[in-house]
């Protein structure tokens, strides 16, 4: 199942807010980024998860 479909099923209000934010930007911001922003707007305690999604994996964390 795609992530966007799962998000719509689990939290439709956040998904609607993300869609509205995405349309306001006229598609300049990816929907995934808009969804994370909407999630943090509705649930500020989840800021850590939003930041995690925008960082590349740290190659120093990989075990040899």
PDB file of N, CA and C in Angstrom:
ATOM      1  N   UNK A   1       0.850  -1.173   0.000  1.00  0.00           N
ATOM      2  CA  UNK A   1       0.000   0.000   0.000  1.00  0.00           C
ATOM      3  C   UNK A   1       0.900   1.241   0.000  1.00  0.00           C
ATOM      4  N   UNK A   2       0.537   2.211  -0.797  1.00  0.00           N
ATOM      5  CA  UNK A   2       1.311   3.443  -0.874  1.00  0.00           C
ATOM      6  C   UNK A   2       1.179   4.232   0.433  1.00  0.00           C
ATOM      7  N   UNK A   3       2.216   4.985   0.729  1.00  0.00           N
ATOM      8  CA  UNK A   3       2.238   5.786   1.950  1.00  0.00           C
ATOM      9  C   UNK A   3       1.114   6.816   1.953  1.00  0.00           C
ATOM     10  N   UNK A   4       0.879   7.450   0.826  1.00  0.00           N
ATOM     11  CA  UNK A   4      -0.158   8.487   0.785  1.00  0.00           C
ATOM     12  C   UNK A   4      -1.548   7.903   1.042  1.00  0.00           C
ATOM     13  N   UNK A   5      -1.824   6.710   0.540  1.00  0.00           N
ATOM     14  CA  UNK A   5      -3.120   6.065   0.788  1.00  0.00           C
ATOM     15  C   UNK A   5      -3.257   5.711   2.260  1.00  0.00           C
ATOM     16  N   UNK A   6      -2.202   5.192   2.831  1.00  0.00           N
ATOM     17  CA  UNK A   6      -2.224   4.841   4.248  1.00  0.00           C
ATOM     18  C   UNK A   6      -2.445   6.084   5.113  1.00  0.00           C
ATOM     19  N   UNK A   7      -1.802   7.168   4.758  1.00  0.00           N
ATOM     20  CA  UNK A   7      -1.995   8.419   5.508  1.00  0.00           C
ATOM     21  C   UNK A   7      -3.438   8.896   5.428  1.00  0.00           C
ATOM     22  N   UNK A   8      -4.051   8.803   4.232  1.00  0.00           N
ATOM     23  CA  UNK A   8      -5.449   9.212   4.086  1.00  0.00           C
ATOM     24  C   UNK A   8      -6.368   8.346   4.943  1.00  0.00           C
ATOM     25  N   UNK A   9      -6.059   7.067   5.042  1.00  0.00           N
ATOM     26  CA  UNK A   9      -6.900   6.167   5.842  1.00  0.00           C
ATOM     27  C   UNK A   9      -6.739   6.405   7.332  1.00  0.00           C
ATOM     28  N   UNK A  10      -5.505   6.645   7.772  1.00  0.00           N
ATOM     29  CA  UNK A  10      -5.241   6.781   9.200  1.00  0.00           C
ATOM     30  C   UNK A  10      -5.527   8.177   9.752  1.00  0.00           C
ATOM     31  N   UNK A  11      -5.304   9.215   8.941  1.00  0.00           N
ATOM     32  CA  UNK A  11      -5.513  10.573   9.434  1.00  0.00           C
ATOM     33  C   UNK A  11      -6.025  11.471   8.308  1.00  0.00           C
ATOM     34  N   UNK A  12      -7.307  11.361   7.994  1.00  0.00           N
ATOM     35  CA  UNK A  12      -7.847  12.138   6.873  1.00  0.00           C
ATOM     36  C   UNK A  12      -7.822  13.655   7.099  1.00  0.00           C
ATOM     37  N   UNK A  13      -7.947  14.121   8.334  1.00  0.00           N
ATOM     38  CA  UNK A  13      -7.932  15.565   8.583  1.00  0.00           C
ATOM     39  C   UNK A  13      -6.560  16.172   8.281  1.00  0.00           C
ATOM     40  N   UNK A  14      -5.514  15.489   8.697  1.00  0.00           N
ATOM     41  CA  UNK A  14      -4.171  15.963   8.385  1.00  0.00           C
ATOM     42  C   UNK A  14      -3.942  15.916   6.875  1.00  0.00           C
ATOM     43  N   UNK A  15      -4.440  14.890   6.224  1.00  0.00           N
ATOM     44  CA  UNK A  15      -4.277  14.761   4.780  1.00  0.00           C
ATOM     45  C   UNK A  15      -5.013  15.874   4.038  1.00  0.00           C
ATOM     46  N   UNK A  16      -6.184  16.254   4.510  1.00  0.00           N
ATOM     47  CA  UNK A  16      -6.911  17.371   3.892  1.00  0.00           C
ATOM     48  C   UNK A  16      -6.163  18.683   4.081  1.00  0.00           C
ATOM     49  N   UNK A  17      -5.634  18.899   5.261  1.00  0.00           N
ATOM     50  CA  UNK A  17      -4.843  20.105   5.515  1.00  0.00           C
ATOM     51  C   UNK A  17      -3.603  20.117   4.624  1.00  0.00           C
ATOM     52  N   UNK A  18      -2.954  18.986   4.473  1.00  0.00           N
ATOM     53  CA  UNK A  18      -1.776  18.889   3.609  1.00  0.00           C
ATOM     54  C   UNK A  18      -2.144  19.187   2.159  1.00  0.00           C
ATOM     55  N   UNK A  19      -3.279  18.687   1.718  1.00  0.00           N
ATOM     56  CA  UNK A  19      -3.722  18.950   0.358  1.00  0.00           C
ATOM     57  C   UNK A  19      -3.970  20.441   0.150  1.00  0.00           C
ATOM     58  N   UNK A  20      -4.581  21.072   1.139  1.00  0.00           N
ATOM     59  CA  UNK A  20      -4.817  22.515   1.063  1.00  0.00           C
ATOM     60  C   UNK A  20      -3.500  23.287   1.006  1.00  0.00           C
ATOM     61  N   UNK A  21      -2.533  22.903   1.858  1.00  0.00           N
ATOM     62  CA  UNK A  21      -1.218  23.555   1.832  1.00  0.00           C
ATOM     63  C   UNK A  21      -0.524  23.343   0.494  1.00  0.00           C
ATOM     64  N   UNK A  22      -0.643  22.146  -0.039  1.00  0.00           N
ATOM     65  CA  UNK A  22      -0.023  21.819  -1.322  1.00  0.00           C
ATOM     66  C   UNK A  22      -0.626  22.665  -2.448  1.00  0.00           C
ATOM     67  N   UNK A  23      -1.964  22.820  -2.436  1.00  0.00           N
ATOM     68  CA  UNK A  23      -2.617  23.644  -3.456  1.00  0.00           C
ATOM     69  C   UNK A  23      -2.268  25.119  -3.304  1.00  0.00           C
ATOM     70  N   UNK A  24      -2.133  25.605  -2.080  1.00  0.00           N
ATOM     71  CA  UNK A  24      -1.765  27.004  -1.866  1.00  0.00           C
ATOM     72  C   UNK A  24      -0.390  27.313  -2.445  1.00  0.00           C
ATOM     73  N   UNK A  25       0.504  26.346  -2.384  1.00  0.00           N
ATOM     74  CA  UNK A  25       1.851  26.518  -2.939  1.00  0.00           C
ATOM     75  C   UNK A  25       1.869  26.223  -4.435  1.00  0.00           C
ATOM     76  N   UNK A  26       0.736  25.839  -4.995  1.00  0.00           N
ATOM     77  CA  UNK A  26       0.590  25.492  -6.411  1.00  0.00           C
ATOM     78  C   UNK A  26       1.549  24.383  -6.836  1.00  0.00           C
ATOM     79  N   UNK A  27       1.749  23.435  -5.947  1.00  0.00           N
ATOM     80  CA  UNK A  27       2.563  22.277  -6.260  1.00  0.00           C
ATOM     81  C   UNK A  27       4.064  22.497  -6.174  1.00  0.00           C
ATOM     82  N   UNK A  28       4.515  23.647  -5.670  1.00  0.00           N
ATOM     83  CA  UNK A  28       5.956  23.899  -5.545  1.00  0.00           C
ATOM     84  C   UNK A  28       6.578  23.087  -4.419  1.00  0.00           C
ATOM     85  N   UNK A  29       5.775  22.710  -3.462  1.00  0.00           N
ATOM     86  CA  UNK A  29       6.231  21.888  -2.339  1.00  0.00           C
ATOM     87  C   UNK A  29       5.703  20.479  -2.575  1.00  0.00           C
ATOM     88  N   UNK A  30       6.533  19.456  -2.426  1.00  0.00           N
ATOM     89  CA  UNK A  30       6.026  18.087  -2.593  1.00  0.00           C
ATOM     90  C   UNK A  30       4.912  17.781  -1.587  1.00  0.00           C
ATOM     91  N   UNK A  31       3.984  16.937  -1.985  1.00  0.00           N
ATOM     92  CA  UNK A  31       2.866  16.598  -1.103  1.00  0.00           C
ATOM     93  C   UNK A  31       3.364  15.976   0.201  1.00  0.00           C
ATOM     94  N   UNK A  32       4.399  15.165   0.120  1.00  0.00           N
ATOM     95  CA  UNK A  32       4.944  14.528   1.320  1.00  0.00           C
ATOM     96  C   UNK A  32       5.430  15.580   2.319  1.00  0.00           C
ATOM     97  N   UNK A  33       6.077  16.620   1.833  1.00  0.00           N
ATOM     98  CA  UNK A  33       6.547  17.699   2.699  1.00  0.00           C
ATOM     99  C   UNK A  33       5.366  18.467   3.279  1.00  0.00           C
ATOM    100  N   UNK A  34       4.361  18.712   2.452  1.00  0.00           N
ATOM    101  CA  UNK A  34       3.160  19.400   2.933  1.00  0.00           C
ATOM    102  C   UNK A  34       2.460  18.571   4.007  1.00  0.00           C
ATOM    103  N   UNK A  35       2.458  17.253   3.842  1.00  0.00           N
ATOM    104  CA  UNK A  35       1.814  16.395   4.834  1.00  0.00           C
ATOM    105  C   UNK A  35       2.554  16.470   6.171  1.00  0.00           C
ATOM    106  N   UNK A  36       3.885  16.449   6.115  1.00  0.00           N
ATOM    107  CA  UNK A  36       4.661  16.551   7.359  1.00  0.00           C
ATOM    108  C   UNK A  36       4.423  17.888   8.051  1.00  0.00           C
ATOM    109  N   UNK A  37       4.352  18.968   7.263  1.00  0.00           N
ATOM    110  CA  UNK A  37       4.069  20.279   7.837  1.00  0.00           C
ATOM    111  C   UNK A  37       2.685  20.299   8.475  1.00  0.00           C
ATOM    112  N   UNK A  38       1.704  19.745   7.788  1.00  0.00           N
ATOM    113  CA  UNK A  38       0.344  19.685   8.333  1.00  0.00           C
ATOM    114  C   UNK A  38       0.303  18.851   9.604  1.00  0.00           C
ATOM    115  N   UNK A  39       1.044  17.761   9.626  1.00  0.00           N
ATOM    116  CA  UNK A  39       1.073  16.901  10.818  1.00  0.00           C
ATOM    117  C   UNK A  39       1.640  17.647  12.014  1.00  0.00           C
ATOM    118  N   UNK A  40       2.703  18.409  11.786  1.00  0.00           N
ATOM    119  CA  UNK A  40       3.314  19.172  12.887  1.00  0.00           C
ATOM    120  C   UNK A  40       2.405  20.321  13.314  1.00  0.00           C
ATOM    121  N   UNK A  41       1.663  20.885  12.371  1.00  0.00           N
ATOM    122  CA  UNK A  41       0.720  21.950  12.738  1.00  0.00           C
ATOM    123  C   UNK A  41      -0.371  21.401  13.657  1.00  0.00           C
ATOM    124  N   UNK A  42      -0.810  20.183  13.386  1.00  0.00           N
ATOM    125  CA  UNK A  42      -1.871  19.582  14.205  1.00  0.00           C
ATOM    126  C   UNK A  42      -1.327  18.900  15.450  1.00  0.00           C
ATOM    127  N   UNK A  43      -0.086  18.407  15.387  1.00  0.00           N
ATOM    128  CA  UNK A  43       0.534  17.683  16.502  1.00  0.00           C
ATOM    129  C   UNK A  43       1.972  18.172  16.689  1.00  0.00           C
ATOM    130  N   UNK A  44       2.160  19.314  17.360  1.00  0.00           N
ATOM    131  CA  UNK A  44       3.498  19.904  17.486  1.00  0.00           C
ATOM    132  C   UNK A  44       4.511  18.999  18.196  1.00  0.00           C
ATOM    133  N   UNK A  45       4.049  18.065  18.987  1.00  0.00           N
ATOM    134  CA  UNK A  45       4.973  17.178  19.705  1.00  0.00           C
ATOM    135  C   UNK A  45       5.688  16.205  18.772  1.00  0.00           C
ATOM    136  N   UNK A  46       5.291  16.138  17.505  1.00  0.00           N
ATOM    137  CA  UNK A  46       5.907  15.210  16.553  1.00  0.00           C
ATOM    138  C   UNK A  46       6.943  15.889  15.651  1.00  0.00           C
ATOM    139  N   UNK A  47       7.460  17.029  16.063  1.00  0.00           N
ATOM    140  CA  UNK A  47       8.449  17.758  15.271  1.00  0.00           C
ATOM    141  C   UNK A  47       9.678  16.907  14.968  1.00  0.00           C
ATOM    142  N   UNK A  48      10.074  16.069  15.885  1.00  0.00           N
ATOM    143  CA  UNK A  48      11.255  15.220  15.692  1.00  0.00           C
ATOM    144  C   UNK A  48      11.081  14.328  14.465  1.00  0.00           C
ATOM    145  N   UNK A  49       9.888  13.799  14.248  1.00  0.00           N
ATOM    146  CA  UNK A  49       9.646  12.914  13.114  1.00  0.00           C
ATOM    147  C   UNK A  49       9.676  13.680  11.794  1.00  0.00           C
ATOM    148  N   UNK A  50       9.225  14.933  11.798  1.00  0.00           N
ATOM    149  CA  UNK A  50       9.255  15.753  10.580  1.00  0.00           C
ATOM    150  C   UNK A  50      10.689  16.011  10.161  1.00  0.00           C
ATOM    151  N   UNK A  51      11.530  16.375  11.103  1.00  0.00           N
ATOM    152  CA  UNK A  51      12.928  16.651  10.795  1.00  0.00           C
ATOM    153  C   UNK A  51      13.609  15.385  10.294  1.00  0.00           C
ATOM    154  N   UNK A  52      13.281  14.253  10.864  1.00  0.00           N
ATOM    155  CA  UNK A  52      13.884  12.980  10.462  1.00  0.00           C
ATOM    156  C   UNK A  52      13.618  12.670   8.991  1.00  0.00           C
ATOM    157  N   UNK A  53      12.451  12.991   8.505  1.00  0.00           N
ATOM    158  CA  UNK A  53      12.104  12.677   7.134  1.00  0.00           C
ATOM    159  C   UNK A  53      12.809  13.510   6.089  1.00  0.00           C
ATOM    160  N   UNK A  54      13.437  14.611   6.474  1.00  0.00           N
ATOM    161  CA  UNK A  54      14.081  15.493   5.511  1.00  0.00           C
ATOM    162  C   UNK A  54      15.599  15.400   5.542  1.00  0.00           C
ATOM    163  N   UNK A  55      16.133  14.556   6.352  1.00  0.00           N
ATOM    164  CA  UNK A  55      17.588  14.416   6.416  1.00  0.00           C
ATOM    165  C   UNK A  55      18.030  13.178   5.656  1.00  0.00           C
ATOM    166  N   UNK A  56      19.148  13.283   4.947  1.00  0.00           N
ATOM    167  CA  UNK A  56      19.671  12.056   4.322  1.00  0.00           C
ATOM    168  C   UNK A  56      20.235  11.135   5.398  1.00  0.00           C
ATOM    169  N   UNK A  57      20.289   9.863   5.088  1.00  0.00           N
ATOM    170  CA  UNK A  57      20.865   8.918   6.034  1.00  0.00           C
ATOM    171  C   UNK A  57      22.315   9.265   6.279  1.00  0.00           C
ATOM    172  N   UNK A  58      22.728   9.179   7.516  1.00  0.00           N
ATOM    173  CA  UNK A  58      24.112   9.470   7.882  1.00  0.00           C
ATOM    174  C   UNK A  58      24.979   8.251   7.587  1.00  0.00           C
ATOM    175  N   UNK A  59      25.926   8.339   6.667  1.00  0.00           N
ATOM    176  CA  UNK A  59      26.746   7.179   6.354  1.00  0.00           C
ATOM    177  C   UNK A  59      27.640   6.751   7.527  1.00  0.00           C
ATOM    178  N   UNK A  60      27.848   7.632   8.486  1.00  0.00           N
ATOM    179  CA  UNK A  60      28.659   7.290   9.656  1.00  0.00           C
ATOM    180  C   UNK A  60      27.949   6.336  10.590  1.00  0.00           C
ATOM    181  N   UNK A  61      26.620   6.226  10.440  1.00  0.00           N
ATOM    182  CA  UNK A  61      25.845   5.326  11.304  1.00  0.00           C
ATOM    183  C   UNK A  61      25.877   3.886  10.833  1.00  0.00           C
ATOM    184  N   UNK A  62      26.268   3.666   9.600  1.00  0.00           N
ATOM    185  CA  UNK A  62      26.271   2.310   9.053  1.00  0.00           C
ATOM    186  C   UNK A  62      27.420   1.504   9.647  1.00  0.00           C
ATOM    187  N   UNK A  63      27.121   0.278   9.946  1.00  0.00           N
ATOM    188  CA  UNK A  63      28.155  -0.621  10.483  1.00  0.00           C
ATOM    189  C   UNK A  63      28.974  -1.203   9.342  1.00  0.00           C
ATOM    190  N   UNK A  64      30.282  -1.346   9.515  1.00  0.00           N
ATOM    191  CA  UNK A  64      31.105  -1.896   8.439  1.00  0.00           C
ATOM    192  C   UNK A  64      30.879  -3.374   8.230  1.00  0.00           C
TER     193      UNK A  64
END
